[in-house]
């Protein structure tokens, strides 16, 4: 892990949302391995507590909080608790997300016509409003410290629109552009805001996907395989580093 020490992460603190499984858990664990104190946010208590226990193997500061990122009061309260516990807030990873209710074989037609308005808006509540509320709450502390690193996990479907519902792709596209807006606003305070747009990742969210989908994506990938959570987490670490003269960027992985 020597390369991570060079990133200037040791002793810093972070919040990771959607941290109970998949990419979020992968990000939290990699941060912990880098010497970062980590607060894990998620809606389900069991998974985030298990993930926090894994992080605690590598860092003395790791704890879980049940938080709905689309609830402003809950977000503000939880972020304040993290700052109170760690005395600082250096890194925010916005990963909380809503999975697709349909498999690839059903798309795109069913999701164009069968999605109810409240279901459609739920994607924006988590992927866009959730990012906004978390960044708004975190930036208050980061601005005061003149330091912050924010990494938003989006999706390649927010760029190409493939294999996803209009609600999913539109909310992910909005998250990418919102990242750029925050980077422009807070760059002068040494707060870097960037995003990652993964392709398919082998997470519990894809547990019901048919083997044919994994095979198809693997064949399309230059790496010959589907991404793992740790692959995305290591890109996140690059964006979280101390000496980063880069902001408002979106990296497509896989």
Protein backbone atom coordinates (compact mmCIF):
# COMPACT_ATOMS: atom_id res chain seq x y z
CA UNK A 1 0.00 0.00 0.00
CA UNK A 2 3.02 2.33 -0.23
CA UNK A 3 1.61 4.09 -3.28
CA UNK A 4 -1.43 5.19 -1.26
CA UNK A 5 0.78 6.81 1.37
CA UNK A 6 2.14 8.99 -1.42
CA UNK A 7 -1.45 10.11 -2.05
CA UNK A 8 -1.38 11.89 1.32
CA UNK A 9 -4.37 9.98 2.68
CA UNK A 10 -3.00 8.74 5.99
CA UNK A 11 -4.77 10.43 8.92
CA UNK A 12 -7.54 11.98 6.85
CA UNK A 13 -11.26 11.34 7.28
CA UNK A 14 -13.98 10.36 4.83
CA UNK A 15 -17.65 9.67 4.34
CA UNK A 16 -18.76 6.98 1.88
CA UNK A 17 -22.46 6.69 1.03
CA UNK A 18 -24.06 3.44 -0.08
CA UNK A 19 -21.16 1.81 1.74
CA UNK A 20 -22.74 -1.49 2.77
CA UNK A 21 -21.97 -3.47 -0.37
CA UNK A 22 -20.44 -3.30 -3.82
CA UNK A 23 -18.56 -0.18 -4.94
CA UNK A 24 -19.30 1.71 -1.75
CA UNK A 25 -17.91 -1.02 0.48
CA UNK A 26 -14.90 -1.36 -1.82
CA UNK A 27 -14.21 2.38 -1.55
CA UNK A 28 -14.58 2.38 2.24
CA UNK A 29 -12.20 -0.56 2.67
CA UNK A 30 -9.57 0.89 0.33
CA UNK A 31 -9.72 4.20 2.17
CA UNK A 32 -9.33 2.39 5.48
CA UNK A 33 -6.31 0.51 4.15
CA UNK A 34 -4.83 3.90 3.24
CA UNK A 35 -5.03 5.08 6.86
CA UNK A 36 -8.24 7.07 6.48
CA UNK A 37 -10.92 7.27 9.19
CA UNK A 38 -14.17 6.28 7.50
CA UNK A 39 -17.86 6.90 8.23
CA UNK A 40 -20.06 4.51 6.27
CA UNK A 41 -23.55 5.73 5.33
CA UNK A 42 -26.36 3.49 4.13
CA UNK A 43 -30.03 2.80 4.56
CA UNK A 44 -29.67 -0.79 5.78
CA UNK A 45 -27.96 -1.06 9.15
CA UNK A 46 -26.73 -4.66 8.85
CA UNK A 47 -24.58 -4.30 5.72
CA UNK A 48 -22.97 -0.99 6.71
CA UNK A 49 -22.10 -2.31 10.17
CA UNK A 50 -20.49 -5.39 8.62
CA UNK A 51 -18.56 -3.18 6.18
CA UNK A 52 -17.48 -0.91 9.05
CA UNK A 53 -16.16 -3.95 10.92
CA UNK A 54 -14.07 -4.82 7.85
CA UNK A 55 -12.71 -1.25 7.72
CA UNK A 56 -11.88 -1.39 11.43
CA UNK A 57 -9.25 -4.03 10.65
CA UNK A 58 -7.21 -1.33 8.96
CA UNK A 59 -8.09 1.95 10.69
CA UNK A 60 -9.01 2.84 14.29
CA UNK A 61 -11.69 5.20 13.06
CA UNK A 62 -14.58 3.41 11.33
CA UNK A 63 -18.28 3.54 12.11
CA UNK A 64 -21.65 3.17 10.41
CA UNK A 65 -24.66 5.49 10.28
CA UNK A 66 -28.07 4.74 8.81
CA UNK A 67 -28.83 7.69 6.52
CA UNK A 68 -31.28 8.41 3.70
CA UNK A 69 -29.25 10.72 1.46
CA UNK A 70 -32.39 12.23 -0.04
CA UNK A 71 -33.44 13.59 3.38
CA UNK A 72 -31.77 16.96 4.04
CA UNK A 73 -32.27 16.95 7.80
CA UNK A 74 -30.88 13.42 8.09
CA UNK A 75 -27.88 14.30 5.90
CA UNK A 76 -27.03 17.49 7.79
CA UNK A 77 -27.28 15.70 11.14
CA UNK A 78 -25.17 12.73 10.04
CA UNK A 79 -22.42 14.86 8.47
CA UNK A 80 -22.27 16.98 11.63
CA UNK A 81 -21.86 13.78 13.68
CA UNK A 82 -18.96 12.66 11.50
CA UNK A 83 -17.23 16.02 11.86
CA UNK A 84 -17.79 15.86 15.60
CA UNK A 85 -16.28 12.37 15.79
CA UNK A 86 -13.27 13.00 13.55
CA UNK A 87 -12.75 16.75 14.00
CA UNK A 88 -12.35 17.08 10.24
CA UNK A 89 -13.90 16.02 6.94
CA UNK A 90 -11.51 15.65 4.03
CA UNK A 91 -13.11 13.21 1.60
CA UNK A 92 -16.65 12.49 0.43
CA UNK A 93 -17.53 9.58 -1.83
CA UNK A 94 -21.10 9.78 -3.13
CA UNK A 95 -21.96 6.22 -4.10
CA UNK A 96 -25.54 5.63 -2.88
CA UNK A 97 -27.65 4.46 -5.78
CA UNK A 98 -30.88 2.86 -6.94
CA UNK A 99 -30.59 -0.26 -9.08
CA UNK A 100 -32.49 -0.97 -12.26
CA UNK A 101 -35.76 -2.91 -11.75
CA UNK A 102 -35.35 -4.67 -15.10
CA UNK A 103 -32.80 -6.96 -16.68
CA UNK A 104 -30.99 -6.18 -19.90
CA UNK A 105 -33.24 -8.51 -21.88
CA UNK A 106 -36.25 -6.34 -21.02
CA UNK A 107 -34.70 -3.07 -22.13
CA UNK A 108 -35.19 -0.50 -23.35
CA UNK A 109 -38.88 -0.69 -24.20
CA UNK A 110 -40.53 -1.69 -20.90
CA UNK A 111 -38.82 1.06 -18.95
CA UNK A 112 -39.87 3.65 -21.49
CA UNK A 113 -43.57 3.03 -20.91
CA UNK A 114 -44.10 1.21 -17.62
CA UNK A 115 -42.38 3.43 -15.06
CA UNK A 116 -44.63 5.48 -12.78
CA UNK A 117 -43.70 9.14 -12.07
CA UNK A 118 -42.83 8.50 -8.42
CA UNK A 119 -40.57 5.60 -9.41
CA UNK A 120 -38.92 7.81 -12.06
CA UNK A 121 -38.28 10.60 -9.57
CA UNK A 122 -36.77 8.21 -7.01
CA UNK A 123 -33.69 7.88 -9.24
CA UNK A 124 -33.20 11.64 -9.14
CA UNK A 125 -33.80 11.74 -5.38
CA UNK A 126 -30.85 9.41 -4.81
CA UNK A 127 -28.48 9.95 -7.75
CA UNK A 128 -28.84 13.71 -8.08
CA UNK A 129 -30.52 15.24 -5.02
CA UNK A 130 -28.62 12.83 -2.76
CA UNK A 131 -25.31 13.95 -4.24
CA UNK A 132 -26.37 17.58 -3.93
CA UNK A 133 -27.36 17.35 -0.27
CA UNK A 134 -24.22 15.43 0.68
CA UNK A 135 -21.93 17.85 -1.17
CA UNK A 136 -23.75 20.84 0.27
CA UNK A 137 -23.35 19.51 3.82
CA UNK A 138 -19.72 18.43 3.39
CA UNK A 139 -18.60 21.57 1.57
CA UNK A 140 -19.44 23.68 4.62
CA UNK A 141 -16.68 21.97 6.60
CA UNK A 142 -14.30 21.61 3.66
CA UNK A 143 -14.57 25.29 2.77
CA UNK A 144 -13.65 26.28 6.32
CA UNK A 145 -10.59 24.00 6.20
CA UNK A 146 -9.65 25.09 2.66
CA UNK A 147 -9.41 21.43 1.72
CA UNK A 148 -11.71 18.76 0.31
CA UNK A 149 -11.91 15.90 -2.14
CA UNK A 150 -15.33 14.84 -3.44
CA UNK A 151 -15.79 11.84 -5.72
CA UNK A 152 -19.20 11.10 -7.23
CA UNK A 153 -19.91 7.61 -8.55
CA UNK A 154 -22.09 7.92 -11.65
CA UNK A 155 -22.40 5.55 -14.63
CA UNK A 156 -21.31 5.22 -18.24
CA UNK A 157 -25.02 4.96 -19.06
CA UNK A 158 -25.23 8.65 -18.14
CA UNK A 159 -23.07 9.27 -21.21
CA UNK A 160 -24.19 6.70 -23.77
CA UNK A 161 -27.72 5.88 -22.56
CA UNK A 162 -27.25 2.16 -23.24
CA UNK A 163 -28.83 -0.74 -21.33
CA UNK A 164 -30.70 1.36 -18.81
CA UNK A 165 -34.00 3.11 -18.24
CA UNK A 166 -34.42 6.79 -19.17
CA UNK A 167 -34.75 7.58 -15.45
CA UNK A 168 -31.48 5.86 -14.60
CA UNK A 169 -29.49 7.38 -17.48
CA UNK A 170 -30.93 10.87 -17.02
CA UNK A 171 -30.23 10.94 -13.27
CA UNK A 172 -26.66 9.72 -13.82
CA UNK A 173 -26.10 12.31 -16.57
CA UNK A 174 -27.39 15.01 -14.21
CA UNK A 175 -24.98 13.80 -11.53
CA UNK A 176 -22.04 14.17 -13.92
CA UNK A 177 -22.95 17.76 -14.82
CA UNK A 178 -23.72 18.62 -11.21
CA UNK A 179 -20.19 17.46 -10.38
CA UNK A 180 -18.81 20.03 -12.81
CA UNK A 181 -21.00 22.76 -11.30
CA UNK A 182 -19.70 22.06 -7.78
CA UNK A 183 -16.12 21.90 -9.02
CA UNK A 184 -16.45 25.38 -10.52
CA UNK A 185 -18.01 26.77 -7.34
CA UNK A 186 -15.55 25.33 -4.82
CA UNK A 187 -12.25 25.04 -6.69
CA UNK A 188 -10.93 28.27 -5.18
CA UNK A 189 -11.27 26.71 -1.72
CA UNK A 190 -9.01 23.77 -2.65
CA UNK A 191 -12.01 21.47 -2.94
CA UNK A 192 -11.68 19.10 -5.89
CA UNK A 193 -14.90 17.57 -7.22
CA UNK A 194 -14.71 14.76 -9.79
CA UNK A 195 -16.76 11.77 -10.88
CA UNK A 196 -16.31 8.20 -12.03
CA UNK A 197 -18.60 6.59 -14.61
CA UNK A 198 -18.24 2.81 -14.30
CA UNK A 199 -19.49 0.33 -16.81
CA UNK A 200 -20.85 -2.94 -15.50
CA UNK A 201 -19.45 -3.85 -12.07
CA UNK A 202 -19.74 -7.22 -10.35
CA UNK A 203 -21.78 -6.17 -7.32
CA UNK A 204 -24.79 -7.57 -5.44
CA UNK A 205 -26.92 -5.17 -7.50
CA UNK A 206 -26.16 -7.39 -10.51
CA UNK A 207 -26.79 -10.71 -8.74
CA UNK A 208 -29.86 -11.47 -10.86
CA UNK A 209 -28.21 -10.62 -14.16
CA UNK A 210 -27.91 -13.59 -16.54
CA UNK A 211 -24.44 -15.05 -17.25
CA UNK A 212 -24.86 -13.96 -20.87
CA UNK A 213 -24.75 -10.32 -19.78
CA UNK A 214 -21.44 -10.81 -17.96
CA UNK A 215 -20.03 -12.63 -21.00
CA UNK A 216 -21.19 -9.88 -23.35
CA UNK A 217 -19.62 -7.11 -21.29
CA UNK A 218 -16.39 -9.07 -20.83
CA UNK A 219 -16.07 -9.45 -24.59
CA UNK A 220 -16.65 -5.73 -25.10
CA UNK A 221 -14.06 -4.76 -22.48
CA UNK A 222 -10.43 -4.20 -23.43
CA UNK A 223 -9.58 -6.01 -20.18
CA UNK A 224 -11.60 -9.10 -21.04
CA UNK A 225 -13.60 -9.05 -17.82
CA UNK A 226 -16.30 -7.22 -15.89
CA UNK A 227 -15.06 -4.65 -13.35
CA UNK A 228 -14.81 -5.48 -9.65
CA UNK A 229 -15.58 -2.93 -6.88
CA UNK A 230 -11.89 -2.58 -6.04
CA UNK A 231 -11.18 -1.44 -9.61
CA UNK A 232 -13.49 1.54 -9.12
CA UNK A 233 -12.19 2.15 -5.59
CA UNK A 234 -8.63 2.56 -6.83
CA UNK A 235 -9.71 5.24 -9.29
CA UNK A 236 -11.51 6.91 -6.38
CA UNK A 237 -8.22 6.93 -4.43
CA UNK A 238 -6.55 8.79 -7.28
CA UNK A 239 -9.23 11.50 -7.12
CA UNK A 240 -8.98 11.58 -3.30
CA UNK A 241 -5.25 12.29 -3.22
CA UNK A 242 -3.79 15.40 -1.62
CA UNK A 243 -1.75 16.71 -4.56
CA UNK A 244 -4.51 16.78 -7.15
CA UNK A 245 -4.54 19.60 -9.70
CA UNK A 246 -7.67 18.30 -11.40
CA UNK A 247 -11.35 19.03 -10.92
CA UNK A 248 -14.66 18.78 -12.74
CA UNK A 249 -13.54 15.65 -14.59
CA UNK A 250 -15.37 12.40 -15.28
CA UNK A 251 -13.44 9.17 -15.80
CA UNK A 252 -15.11 6.24 -17.57
CA UNK A 253 -13.88 2.89 -16.26
CA UNK A 254 -14.03 -0.61 -17.66
